[in-house]
mmCIF file of all heavy atoms, coordinates in Angstrom:
data_MODEL
# 
_entry.id   MODEL 
# 
loop_
_atom_site.group_PDB 
_atom_site.id 
_atom_site.type_symbol 
_atom_site.label_atom_id 
_atom_site.label_alt_id 
_atom_site.label_comp_id 
_atom_site.label_asym_id 
_atom_site.label_entity_id 
_atom_site.label_seq_id 
_atom_site.pdbx_PDB_ins_code 
_atom_site.Cartn_x 
_atom_site.Cartn_y 
_atom_site.Cartn_z 
_atom_site.occupancy 
_atom_site.B_iso_or_equiv 
_atom_site.pdbx_formal_charge 
_atom_site.auth_seq_id 
_atom_site.auth_comp_id 
_atom_site.auth_asym_id 
_atom_site.auth_atom_id 
_atom_site.pdbx_PDB_model_num 
ATOM 1   N N   . THR A 1 1  ? -363.629 131.829 118.701 1.00 0.00 ? 1  THR A N   1 
ATOM 2   C CA  . THR A 1 1  ? -362.687 132.889 118.353 1.00 0.00 ? 1  THR A CA  1 
ATOM 3   C C   . THR A 1 1  ? -361.578 132.993 119.399 1.00 0.00 ? 1  THR A C   1 
ATOM 4   O O   . THR A 1 1  ? -361.714 132.468 120.514 1.00 0.00 ? 1  THR A O   1 
ATOM 5   C CB  . THR A 1 1  ? -363.413 134.239 118.280 1.00 0.00 ? 1  THR A CB  1 
ATOM 6   O OG1 . THR A 1 1  ? -363.903 134.567 119.601 1.00 0.00 ? 1  THR A OG1 1 
ATOM 7   C CG2 . THR A 1 1  ? -364.581 134.178 117.306 1.00 0.00 ? 1  THR A CG2 1 
ATOM 8   N N   . PRO A 1 2  ? -360.476 133.673 119.070 1.00 0.00 ? 2  PRO A N   1 
ATOM 9   C CA  . PRO A 1 2  ? -359.453 133.923 120.097 1.00 0.00 ? 2  PRO A CA  1 
ATOM 10  C C   . PRO A 1 2  ? -360.013 134.639 121.317 1.00 0.00 ? 2  PRO A C   1 
ATOM 11  O O   . PRO A 1 2  ? -359.572 134.402 122.440 1.00 0.00 ? 2  PRO A O   1 
ATOM 12  C CB  . PRO A 1 2  ? -358.431 134.790 119.345 1.00 0.00 ? 2  PRO A CB  1 
ATOM 13  C CG  . PRO A 1 2  ? -358.587 134.411 117.909 1.00 0.00 ? 2  PRO A CG  1 
ATOM 14  C CD  . PRO A 1 2  ? -360.054 134.134 117.738 1.00 0.00 ? 2  PRO A CD  1 
ATOM 15  N N   . GLU A 1 3  ? -361.013 135.509 121.105 1.00 0.00 ? 3  GLU A N   1 
ATOM 16  C CA  . GLU A 1 3  ? -361.626 136.205 122.229 1.00 0.00 ? 3  GLU A CA  1 
ATOM 17  C C   . GLU A 1 3  ? -362.356 135.238 123.159 1.00 0.00 ? 3  GLU A C   1 
ATOM 18  O O   . GLU A 1 3  ? -362.350 135.405 124.390 1.00 0.00 ? 3  GLU A O   1 
ATOM 19  C CB  . GLU A 1 3  ? -362.610 137.272 121.716 1.00 0.00 ? 3  GLU A CB  1 
ATOM 20  C CG  . GLU A 1 3  ? -361.964 138.448 121.014 1.00 0.00 ? 3  GLU A CG  1 
ATOM 21  C CD  . GLU A 1 3  ? -361.450 138.111 119.618 1.00 0.00 ? 3  GLU A CD  1 
ATOM 22  O OE1 . GLU A 1 3  ? -361.946 137.112 119.023 1.00 0.00 ? 3  GLU A OE1 1 
ATOM 23  O OE2 . GLU A 1 3  ? -360.562 138.833 119.125 1.00 0.00 ? 3  GLU A OE2 1 
ATOM 24  N N   . THR A 1 4  ? -362.981 134.211 122.569 1.00 0.00 ? 4  THR A N   1 
ATOM 25  C CA  . THR A 1 4  ? -363.650 133.192 123.382 1.00 0.00 ? 4  THR A CA  1 
ATOM 26  C C   . THR A 1 4  ? -362.638 132.459 124.247 1.00 0.00 ? 4  THR A C   1 
ATOM 27  O O   . THR A 1 4  ? -362.859 132.256 125.443 1.00 0.00 ? 4  THR A O   1 
ATOM 28  C CB  . THR A 1 4  ? -364.389 132.193 122.487 1.00 0.00 ? 4  THR A CB  1 
ATOM 29  O OG1 . THR A 1 4  ? -365.372 132.891 121.708 1.00 0.00 ? 4  THR A OG1 1 
ATOM 30  C CG2 . THR A 1 4  ? -365.083 131.127 123.318 1.00 0.00 ? 4  THR A CG2 1 
ATOM 31  N N   . ARG A 1 5  ? -361.532 132.056 123.644 1.00 0.00 ? 5  ARG A N   1 
ATOM 32  C CA  . ARG A 1 5  ? -360.504 131.350 124.409 1.00 0.00 ? 5  ARG A CA  1 
ATOM 33  C C   . ARG A 1 5  ? -359.900 132.258 125.477 1.00 0.00 ? 5  ARG A C   1 
ATOM 34  O O   . ARG A 1 5  ? -359.587 131.807 126.582 1.00 0.00 ? 5  ARG A O   1 
ATOM 35  C CB  . ARG A 1 5  ? -359.426 130.815 123.459 1.00 0.00 ? 5  ARG A CB  1 
ATOM 36  C CG  . ARG A 1 5  ? -359.916 129.671 122.581 1.00 0.00 ? 5  ARG A CG  1 
ATOM 37  C CD  . ARG A 1 5  ? -358.777 128.993 121.843 1.00 0.00 ? 5  ARG A CD  1 
ATOM 38  N NE  . ARG A 1 5  ? -358.202 129.843 120.816 1.00 0.00 ? 5  ARG A NE  1 
ATOM 39  C CZ  . ARG A 1 5  ? -358.598 129.870 119.543 1.00 0.00 ? 5  ARG A CZ  1 
ATOM 40  N NH1 . ARG A 1 5  ? -359.585 129.082 119.149 1.00 0.00 ? 5  ARG A NH1 1 
ATOM 41  N NH2 . ARG A 1 5  ? -358.012 130.662 118.659 1.00 0.00 ? 5  ARG A NH2 1 
ATOM 42  N N   . ALA A 1 6  ? -359.753 133.545 125.151 1.00 0.00 ? 6  ALA A N   1 
ATOM 43  C CA  . ALA A 1 6  ? -359.206 134.489 126.135 1.00 0.00 ? 6  ALA A CA  1 
ATOM 44  C C   . ALA A 1 6  ? -360.146 134.661 127.319 1.00 0.00 ? 6  ALA A C   1 
ATOM 45  O O   . ALA A 1 6  ? -359.717 134.959 128.436 1.00 0.00 ? 6  ALA A O   1 
ATOM 46  C CB  . ALA A 1 6  ? -358.943 135.839 125.475 1.00 0.00 ? 6  ALA A CB  1 
ATOM 47  N N   . GLY A 1 7  ? -361.455 134.436 127.090 1.00 0.00 ? 7  GLY A N   1 
ATOM 48  C CA  . GLY A 1 7  ? -362.415 134.555 128.177 1.00 0.00 ? 7  GLY A CA  1 
ATOM 49  C C   . GLY A 1 7  ? -362.171 133.562 129.288 1.00 0.00 ? 7  GLY A C   1 
ATOM 50  O O   . GLY A 1 7  ? -362.585 133.786 130.439 1.00 0.00 ? 7  GLY A O   1 
ATOM 51  N N   . LEU A 1 8  ? -361.500 132.468 128.985 1.00 0.00 ? 8  LEU A N   1 
ATOM 52  C CA  . LEU A 1 8  ? -361.179 131.488 130.015 1.00 0.00 ? 8  LEU A CA  1 
ATOM 53  C C   . LEU A 1 8  ? -360.357 132.124 131.136 1.00 0.00 ? 8  LEU A C   1 
ATOM 54  O O   . LEU A 1 8  ? -360.548 131.816 132.316 1.00 0.00 ? 8  LEU A O   1 
ATOM 55  C CB  . LEU A 1 8  ? -360.423 130.318 129.386 1.00 0.00 ? 8  LEU A CB  1 
ATOM 56  C CG  . LEU A 1 8  ? -360.119 129.099 130.258 1.00 0.00 ? 8  LEU A CG  1 
ATOM 57  C CD1 . LEU A 1 8  ? -360.034 127.858 129.390 1.00 0.00 ? 8  LEU A CD1 1 
ATOM 58  C CD2 . LEU A 1 8  ? -358.808 129.260 131.022 1.00 0.00 ? 8  LEU A CD2 1 
ATOM 59  N N   . LYS A 1 9  ? -359.427 133.024 130.781 1.00 0.00 ? 9  LYS A N   1 
ATOM 60  C CA  . LYS A 1 9  ? -358.601 133.681 131.801 1.00 0.00 ? 9  LYS A CA  1 
ATOM 61  C C   . LYS A 1 9  ? -359.461 134.537 132.725 1.00 0.00 ? 9  LYS A C   1 
ATOM 62  O O   . LYS A 1 9  ? -359.243 134.563 133.938 1.00 0.00 ? 9  LYS A O   1 
ATOM 63  C CB  . LYS A 1 9  ? -357.526 134.529 131.136 1.00 0.00 ? 9  LYS A CB  1 
ATOM 64  C CG  . LYS A 1 9  ? -356.504 133.762 130.332 1.00 0.00 ? 9  LYS A CG  1 
ATOM 65  C CD  . LYS A 1 9  ? -355.441 134.706 129.782 1.00 0.00 ? 9  LYS A CD  1 
ATOM 66  C CE  . LYS A 1 9  ? -354.422 133.978 128.943 1.00 0.00 ? 9  LYS A CE  1 
ATOM 67  N NZ  . LYS A 1 9  ? -353.370 134.883 128.429 1.00 0.00 ? 9  LYS A NZ  1 
ATOM 68  N N   . ASP A 1 10 ? -360.424 135.251 132.142 1.00 0.00 ? 10 ASP A N   1 
ATOM 69  C CA  . ASP A 1 10 ? -361.304 136.091 132.966 1.00 0.00 ? 10 ASP A CA  1 
ATOM 70  C C   . ASP A 1 10 ? -362.116 135.239 133.931 1.00 0.00 ? 10 ASP A C   1 
ATOM 71  O O   . ASP A 1 10 ? -362.284 135.588 135.109 1.00 0.00 ? 10 ASP A O   1 
ATOM 72  C CB  . ASP A 1 10 ? -362.248 136.890 132.068 1.00 0.00 ? 10 ASP A CB  1 
ATOM 73  C CG  . ASP A 1 10 ? -361.513 137.894 131.196 1.00 0.00 ? 10 ASP A CG  1 
ATOM 74  O OD1 . ASP A 1 10 ? -360.422 138.337 131.593 1.00 0.00 ? 10 ASP A OD1 1 
ATOM 75  O OD2 . ASP A 1 10 ? -362.033 138.221 130.107 1.00 0.00 ? 10 ASP A OD2 1 
ATOM 76  N N   . VAL A 1 11 ? -362.634 134.117 133.431 1.00 0.00 ? 11 VAL A N   1 
ATOM 77  C CA  . VAL A 1 11 ? -363.426 133.230 134.279 1.00 0.00 ? 11 VAL A CA  1 
ATOM 78  C C   . VAL A 1 11 ? -362.554 132.634 135.377 1.00 0.00 ? 11 VAL A C   1 
ATOM 79  O O   . VAL A 1 11 ? -362.975 132.544 136.544 1.00 0.00 ? 11 VAL A O   1 
ATOM 80  C CB  . VAL A 1 11 ? -364.080 132.122 133.423 1.00 0.00 ? 11 VAL A CB  1 
ATOM 81  C CG1 . VAL A 1 11 ? -364.710 131.052 134.311 1.00 0.00 ? 11 VAL A CG1 1 
ATOM 82  C CG2 . VAL A 1 11 ? -365.126 132.720 132.494 1.00 0.00 ? 11 VAL A CG2 1 
ATOM 83  N N   . LEU A 1 12 ? -361.340 132.243 135.035 1.00 0.00 ? 12 LEU A N   1 
ATOM 84  C CA  . LEU A 1 12 ? -360.440 131.653 136.032 1.00 0.00 ? 12 LEU A CA  1 
ATOM 85  C C   . LEU A 1 12 ? -360.135 132.653 137.144 1.00 0.00 ? 12 LEU A C   1 
ATOM 86  O O   . LEU A 1 12 ? -360.168 132.307 138.338 1.00 0.00 ? 12 LEU A O   1 
ATOM 87  C CB  . LEU A 1 12 ? -359.152 131.195 135.351 1.00 0.00 ? 12 LEU A CB  1 
ATOM 88  C CG  . LEU A 1 12 ? -358.190 130.340 136.164 1.00 0.00 ? 12 LEU A CG  1 
ATOM 89  C CD1 . LEU A 1 12 ? -358.859 129.055 136.628 1.00 0.00 ? 12 LEU A CD1 1 
ATOM 90  C CD2 . LEU A 1 12 ? -356.939 130.020 135.349 1.00 0.00 ? 12 LEU A CD2 1 
ATOM 91  N N   . ARG A 1 13 ? -359.866 133.903 136.777 1.00 0.00 ? 13 ARG A N   1 
ATOM 92  C CA  . ARG A 1 13 ? -359.594 134.916 137.804 1.00 0.00 ? 13 ARG A CA  1 
ATOM 93  C C   . ARG A 1 13 ? -360.817 135.140 138.688 1.00 0.00 ? 13 ARG A C   1 
ATOM 94  O O   . ARG A 1 13 ? -360.697 135.257 139.915 1.00 0.00 ? 13 ARG A O   1 
ATOM 95  C CB  . ARG A 1 13 ? -359.173 136.234 137.139 1.00 0.00 ? 13 ARG A CB  1 
ATOM 96  C CG  . ARG A 1 13 ? -357.730 136.264 136.671 1.00 0.00 ? 13 ARG A CG  1 
ATOM 97  C CD  . ARG A 1 13 ? -357.316 137.664 136.290 1.00 0.00 ? 13 ARG A CD  1 
ATOM 98  N NE  . ARG A 1 13 ? -357.983 138.118 135.075 1.00 0.00 ? 13 ARG A NE  1 
ATOM 99  C CZ  . ARG A 1 13 ? -357.518 137.932 133.859 1.00 0.00 ? 13 ARG A CZ  1 
ATOM 100 N NH1 . ARG A 1 13 ? -356.376 137.307 133.675 1.00 0.00 ? 13 ARG A NH1 1 
ATOM 101 N NH2 . ARG A 1 13 ? -358.184 138.393 132.810 1.00 0.00 ? 13 ARG A NH2 1 
ATOM 102 N N   . PHE A 1 14 ? -361.984 135.215 138.066 1.00 0.00 ? 14 PHE A N   1 
ATOM 103 C CA  . PHE A 1 14 ? -363.230 135.423 138.801 1.00 0.00 ? 14 PHE A CA  1 
ATOM 104 C C   . PHE A 1 14 ? -363.447 134.307 139.822 1.00 0.00 ? 14 PHE A C   1 
ATOM 105 O O   . PHE A 1 14 ? -363.781 134.563 140.985 1.00 0.00 ? 14 PHE A O   1 
ATOM 106 C CB  . PHE A 1 14 ? -364.386 135.481 137.804 1.00 0.00 ? 14 PHE A CB  1 
ATOM 107 C CG  . PHE A 1 14 ? -365.750 135.545 138.420 1.00 0.00 ? 14 PHE A CG  1 
ATOM 108 C CD1 . PHE A 1 14 ? -366.307 136.758 138.789 1.00 0.00 ? 14 PHE A CD1 1 
ATOM 109 C CD2 . PHE A 1 14 ? -366.502 134.387 138.624 1.00 0.00 ? 14 PHE A CD2 1 
ATOM 110 C CE1 . PHE A 1 14 ? -367.575 136.822 139.354 1.00 0.00 ? 14 PHE A CE1 1 
ATOM 111 C CE2 . PHE A 1 14 ? -367.767 134.445 139.186 1.00 0.00 ? 14 PHE A CE2 1 
ATOM 112 C CZ  . PHE A 1 14 ? -368.304 135.667 139.553 1.00 0.00 ? 14 PHE A CZ  1 
ATOM 113 N N   . GLU A 1 15 ? -363.237 133.064 139.403 1.00 0.00 ? 15 GLU A N   1 
ATOM 114 C CA  . GLU A 1 15 ? -363.524 131.938 140.286 1.00 0.00 ? 15 GLU A CA  1 
ATOM 115 C C   . GLU A 1 15 ? -362.436 131.740 141.326 1.00 0.00 ? 15 GLU A C   1 
ATOM 116 O O   . GLU A 1 15 ? -362.731 131.312 142.457 1.00 0.00 ? 15 GLU A O   1 
ATOM 117 C CB  . GLU A 1 15 ? -363.757 130.685 139.440 1.00 0.00 ? 15 GLU A CB  1 
ATOM 118 C CG  . GLU A 1 15 ? -365.023 130.835 138.605 1.00 0.00 ? 15 GLU A CG  1 
ATOM 119 C CD  . GLU A 1 15 ? -365.398 129.628 137.775 1.00 0.00 ? 15 GLU A CD  1 
ATOM 120 O OE1 . GLU A 1 15 ? -364.519 128.769 137.515 1.00 0.00 ? 15 GLU A OE1 1 
ATOM 121 O OE2 . GLU A 1 15 ? -366.576 129.534 137.370 1.00 0.00 ? 15 GLU A OE2 1 
ATOM 122 N N   . GLU A 1 16 ? -361.190 132.049 141.013 1.00 0.00 ? 16 GLU A N   1 
ATOM 123 C CA  . GLU A 1 16 ? -360.145 131.958 142.037 1.00 0.00 ? 16 GLU A CA  1 
ATOM 124 C C   . GLU A 1 16 ? -360.431 132.912 143.195 1.00 0.00 ? 16 GLU A C   1 
ATOM 125 O O   . GLU A 1 16 ? -360.169 132.585 144.359 1.00 0.00 ? 16 GLU A O   1 
ATOM 126 C CB  . GLU A 1 16 ? -358.777 132.282 141.432 1.00 0.00 ? 16 GLU A CB  1 
ATOM 127 C CG  . GLU A 1 16 ? -358.134 131.131 140.691 1.00 0.00 ? 16 GLU A CG  1 
ATOM 128 C CD  . GLU A 1 16 ? -356.649 131.340 140.501 1.00 0.00 ? 16 GLU A CD  1 
ATOM 129 O OE1 . GLU A 1 16 ? -356.260 132.428 140.024 1.00 0.00 ? 16 GLU A OE1 1 
ATOM 130 O OE2 . GLU A 1 16 ? -355.869 130.439 140.847 1.00 0.00 ? 16 GLU A OE2 1 
ATOM 131 N N   . LYS A 1 17 ? -360.955 134.103 142.910 1.00 0.00 ? 17 LYS A N   1 
ATOM 132 C CA  . LYS A 1 17 ? -361.252 135.071 143.975 1.00 0.00 ? 17 LYS A CA  1 
ATOM 133 C C   . LYS A 1 17 ? -362.335 134.551 144.911 1.00 0.00 ? 17 LYS A C   1 
ATOM 134 O O   . LYS A 1 17 ? -362.353 134.893 146.105 1.00 0.00 ? 17 LYS A O   1 
ATOM 135 C CB  . LYS A 1 17 ? -361.693 136.398 143.359 1.00 0.00 ? 17 LYS A CB  1 
ATOM 136 C CG  . LYS A 1 17 ? -360.561 137.163 142.681 1.00 0.00 ? 17 LYS A CG  1 
ATOM 137 C CD  . LYS A 1 17 ? -361.081 138.450 142.054 1.00 0.00 ? 17 LYS A CD  1 
ATOM 138 C CE  . LYS A 1 17 ? -359.955 139.203 141.359 1.00 0.00 ? 17 LYS A CE  1 
ATOM 139 N NZ  . LYS A 1 17 ? -360.445 140.439 140.688 1.00 0.00 ? 17 LYS A NZ  1 
ATOM 140 N N   . ARG A 1 18 ? -363.211 133.714 144.408 1.00 0.00 ? 18 ARG A N   1 
ATOM 141 C CA  . ARG A 1 18 ? -364.333 133.241 145.216 1.00 0.00 ? 18 ARG A CA  1 
ATOM 142 C C   . ARG A 1 18 ? -364.123 131.840 145.791 1.00 0.00 ? 18 ARG A C   1 
ATOM 143 O O   . ARG A 1 18 ? -364.658 131.522 146.845 1.00 0.00 ? 18 ARG A O   1 
ATOM 144 C CB  . ARG A 1 18 ? -365.610 133.271 144.357 1.00 0.00 ? 18 ARG A CB  1 
ATOM 145 C CG  . ARG A 1 18 ? -366.075 134.707 144.130 1.00 0.00 ? 18 ARG A CG  1 
ATOM 146 C CD  . ARG A 1 18 ? -366.822 134.913 142.836 1.00 0.00 ? 18 ARG A CD  1 
ATOM 147 N NE  . ARG A 1 18 ? -367.162 136.334 142.694 1.00 0.00 ? 18 ARG A NE  1 
ATOM 148 C CZ  . ARG A 1 18 ? -366.320 137.246 142.208 1.00 0.00 ? 18 ARG A CZ  1 
ATOM 149 N NH1 . ARG A 1 18 ? -365.103 136.901 141.819 1.00 0.00 ? 18 ARG A NH1 1 
ATOM 150 N NH2 . ARG A 1 18 ? -366.695 138.510 142.120 1.00 0.00 ? 18 ARG A NH2 1 
ATOM 151 N N   . PHE A 1 19 ? -363.329 131.011 145.089 1.00 0.00 ? 19 PHE A N   1 
ATOM 152 C CA  . PHE A 1 19 ? -363.166 129.615 145.507 1.00 0.00 ? 19 PHE A CA  1 
ATOM 153 C C   . PHE A 1 19 ? -361.766 129.292 146.015 1.00 0.00 ? 19 PHE A C   1 
ATOM 154 O O   . PHE A 1 19 ? -361.565 128.229 146.597 1.00 0.00 ? 19 PHE A O   1 
ATOM 155 C CB  . PHE A 1 19 ? -363.476 128.676 144.337 1.00 0.00 ? 19 PHE A CB  1 
ATOM 156 C CG  . PHE A 1 19 ? -364.792 128.923 143.656 1.00 0.00 ? 19 PHE A CG  1 
ATOM 157 C CD1 . PHE A 1 19 ? -364.945 128.677 142.301 1.00 0.00 ? 19 PHE A CD1 1 
ATOM 158 C CD2 . PHE A 1 19 ? -365.894 129.401 144.370 1.00 0.00 ? 19 PHE A CD2 1 
ATOM 159 C CE1 . PHE A 1 19 ? -366.165 128.896 141.673 1.00 0.00 ? 19 PHE A CE1 1 
ATOM 160 C CE2 . PHE A 1 19 ? -367.113 129.627 143.747 1.00 0.00 ? 19 PHE A CE2 1 
ATOM 161 C CZ  . PHE A 1 19 ? -367.249 129.378 142.390 1.00 0.00 ? 19 PHE A CZ  1 
ATOM 162 N N   . GLY A 1 20 ? -360.803 130.181 145.790 1.00 0.00 ? 20 GLY A N   1 
ATOM 163 C CA  . GLY A 1 20 ? -359.423 129.896 146.157 1.00 0.00 ? 20 GLY A CA  1 
ATOM 164 C C   . GLY A 1 20 ? -358.600 129.512 144.938 1.00 0.00 ? 20 GLY A C   1 
ATOM 165 O O   . GLY A 1 20 ? -359.084 129.474 143.810 1.00 0.00 ? 20 GLY A O   1 
ATOM 166 N N   . ALA A 1 21 ? -357.339 129.209 145.163 1.00 0.00 ? 21 ALA A N   1 
ATOM 167 C CA  . ALA A 1 21 ? -356.406 128.961 144.069 1.00 0.00 ? 21 ALA A CA  1 
ATOM 168 C C   . ALA A 1 21 ? -356.860 127.811 143.180 1.00 0.00 ? 21 ALA A C   1 
ATOM 169 O O   . ALA A 1 21 ? -357.363 126.787 143.666 1.00 0.00 ? 21 ALA A O   1 
ATOM 170 C CB  . ALA A 1 21 ? -355.018 128.670 144.628 1.00 0.00 ? 21 ALA A CB  1 
ATOM 171 N N   . TYR A 1 22 ? -356.657 127.968 141.883 1.00 0.00 ? 22 TYR A N   1 
ATOM 172 C CA  . TYR A 1 22 ? -356.964 126.906 140.917 1.00 0.00 ? 22 TYR A CA  1 
ATOM 173 C C   . TYR A 1 22 ? -356.211 125.638 141.316 1.00 0.00 ? 22 TYR A C   1 
ATOM 174 O O   . TYR A 1 22 ? -355.020 125.670 141.597 1.00 0.00 ? 22 TYR A O   1 
ATOM 175 C CB  . TYR A 1 22 ? -356.554 127.364 139.519 1.00 0.00 ? 22 TYR A CB  1 
ATOM 176 C CG  . TYR A 1 22 ? -356.777 126.337 138.433 1.00 0.00 ? 22 TYR A CG  1 
ATOM 177 C CD1 . TYR A 1 22 ? -358.067 126.018 138.001 1.00 0.00 ? 22 TYR A CD1 1 
ATOM 178 C CD2 . TYR A 1 22 ? -355.701 125.692 137.838 1.00 0.00 ? 22 TYR A CD2 1 
ATOM 179 C CE1 . TYR A 1 22 ? -358.271 125.078 137.002 1.00 0.00 ? 22 TYR A CE1 1 
ATOM 180 C CE2 . TYR A 1 22 ? -355.895 124.751 136.828 1.00 0.00 ? 22 TYR A CE2 1 
ATOM 181 C CZ  . TYR A 1 22 ? -357.176 124.450 136.425 1.00 0.00 ? 22 TYR A CZ  1 
ATOM 182 O OH  . TYR A 1 22 ? -357.383 123.521 135.433 1.00 0.00 ? 22 TYR A OH  1 
ATOM 183 N N   . PRO A 1 23 ? -356.883 124.476 141.329 1.00 0.00 ? 23 PRO A N   1 
ATOM 184 C CA  . PRO A 1 23 ? -356.282 123.292 141.965 1.00 0.00 ? 23 PRO A CA  1 
ATOM 185 C C   . PRO A 1 23 ? -355.385 122.423 141.084 1.00 0.00 ? 23 PRO A C   1 
ATOM 186 O O   . PRO A 1 23 ? -354.788 121.477 141.600 1.00 0.00 ? 23 PRO A O   1 
ATOM 187 C CB  . PRO A 1 23 ? -357.509 122.483 142.403 1.00 0.00 ? 23 PRO A CB  1 
ATOM 188 C CG  . PRO A 1 23 ? -358.581 122.854 141.426 1.00 0.00 ? 23 PRO A CG  1 
ATOM 189 C CD  . PRO A 1 23 ? -358.324 124.285 141.070 1.00 0.00 ? 23 PRO A CD  1 
ATOM 190 N N   . PHE A 1 24 ? -355.261 122.712 139.775 1.00 0.00 ? 24 PHE A N   1 
ATOM 191 C CA  . PHE A 1 24 ? -354.545 121.780 138.901 1.00 0.00 ? 24 PHE A CA  1 
ATOM 192 C C   . PHE A 1 24 ? -353.322 122.409 138.240 1.00 0.00 ? 24 PHE A C   1 
ATOM 193 O O   . PHE A 1 24 ? -353.097 123.611 138.332 1.00 0.00 ? 24 PHE A O   1 
ATOM 194 C CB  . PHE A 1 24 ? -355.506 121.216 137.845 1.00 0.00 ? 24 PHE A CB  1 
ATOM 195 C CG  . PHE A 1 24 ? -356.638 120.429 138.432 1.00 0.00 ? 24 PHE A CG  1 
ATOM 196 C CD1 . PHE A 1 24 ? -357.946 120.849 138.283 1.00 0.00 ? 24 PHE A CD1 1 
ATOM 197 C CD2 . PHE A 1 24 ? -356.389 119.283 139.172 1.00 0.00 ? 24 PHE A CD2 1 
ATOM 198 C CE1 . PHE A 1 24 ? -358.995 120.140 138.837 1.00 0.00 ? 24 PHE A CE1 1 
ATOM 199 C CE2 . PHE A 1 24 ? -357.428 118.560 139.741 1.00 0.00 ? 24 PHE A CE2 1 
ATOM 200 C CZ  . PHE A 1 24 ? -358.736 118.988 139.575 1.00 0.00 ? 24 PHE A CZ  1 
ATOM 201 N N   . THR A 1 25 ? -352.547 121.568 137.553 1.00 0.00 ? 25 THR A N   1 
ATOM 202 C CA  . THR A 1 25 ? -351.276 122.001 136.980 1.00 0.00 ? 25 THR A CA  1 
ATOM 203 C C   . THR A 1 25 ? -351.444 122.745 135.661 1.00 0.00 ? 25 THR A C   1 
ATOM 204 O O   . THR A 1 25 ? -350.536 123.462 135.234 1.00 0.00 ? 25 THR A O   1 
ATOM 205 C CB  . THR A 1 25 ? -350.365 120.788 136.732 1.00 0.00 ? 25 THR A CB  1 
ATOM 206 O OG1 . THR A 1 25 ? -351.035 119.861 135.862 1.00 0.00 ? 25 THR A OG1 1 
ATOM 207 C CG2 . THR A 1 25 ? -350.013 120.091 138.042 1.00 0.00 ? 25 THR A CG2 1 
ATOM 208 N N   . SER A 1 26 ? -352.577 122.577 134.969 1.00 0.00 ? 26 SER A N   1 
ATOM 209 C CA  . SER A 1 26 ? -352.797 123.248 133.689 1.00 0.00 ? 26 SER A CA  1 
ATOM 210 C C   . SER A 1 26 ? -354.287 123.397 133.463 1.00 0.00 ? 26 SER A C   1 
ATOM 211 O O   . SER A 1 26 ? -355.113 122.858 134.217 1.00 0.00 ? 26 SER A O   1 
ATOM 212 C CB  . SER A 1 26 ? -352.159 122.461 132.538 1.00 0.00 ? 26 SER A CB  1 
ATOM 213 O OG  . SER A 1 26 ? -352.833 121.224 132.339 1.00 0.00 ? 26 SER A OG  1 
ATOM 214 N N   . THR A 1 27 ? -354.643 124.125 132.413 1.00 0.00 ? 27 THR A N   1 
ATOM 215 C CA  . THR A 1 27 ? -356.046 124.312 132.074 1.00 0.00 ? 27 THR A CA  1 
ATOM 216 C C   . THR A 1 27 ? -356.178 124.400 130.563 1.00 0.00 ? 27 THR A C   1 
ATOM 217 O O   . THR A 1 27 ? -355.228 124.176 129.820 1.00 0.00 ? 27 THR A O   1 
ATOM 218 C CB  . THR A 1 27 ? -356.640 125.545 132.785 1.00 0.00 ? 27 THR A CB  1 
ATOM 219 O OG1 . THR A 1 27 ? -358.050 125.574 132.589 1.00 0.00 ? 27 THR A OG1 1 
ATOM 220 C CG2 . THR A 1 27 ? -356.024 126.833 132.282 1.00 0.00 ? 27 THR A CG2 1 
ATOM 221 N N   . GLY A 1 28 ? -357.385 124.732 130.083 1.00 0.00 ? 28 GLY A N   1 
ATOM 222 C CA  . GLY A 1 28 ? -357.629 124.831 128.659 1.00 0.00 ? 28 GLY A CA  1 
ATOM 223 C C   . GLY A 1 28 ? -359.030 124.388 128.318 1.00 0.00 ? 28 GLY A C   1 
ATOM 224 O O   . GLY A 1 28 ? -359.926 124.355 129.172 1.00 0.00 ? 28 GLY A O   1 
ATOM 225 N N   . MET A 1 29 ? -359.230 124.018 127.047 1.00 0.00 ? 29 MET A N   1 
ATOM 226 C CA  . MET A 1 29 ? -360.542 123.557 126.605 1.00 0.00 ? 29 MET A CA  1 
ATOM 227 C C   . MET A 1 29 ? -360.376 122.638 125.397 1.00 0.00 ? 29 MET A C   1 
ATOM 228 O O   . MET A 1 29 ? -359.368 122.690 124.692 1.00 0.00 ? 29 MET A O   1 
ATOM 229 C CB  . MET A 1 29 ? -361.454 124.737 126.252 1.00 0.00 ? 29 MET A CB  1 
ATOM 230 C CG  . MET A 1 29 ? -360.968 125.600 125.111 1.00 0.00 ? 29 MET A CG  1 
ATOM 231 S SD  . MET A 1 29 ? -362.146 126.934 124.692 1.00 0.00 ? 29 MET A SD  1 
ATOM 232 C CE  . MET A 1 29 ? -362.062 127.953 126.159 1.00 0.00 ? 29 MET A CE  1 
# 
């Protein structure tokens, strides 16, 4: 669902706070 795809943003924010800035030029699934 669109909500599932939107969850990627939440996960990315969560992991950036713990691991540092996202390392690549783009993302997705």
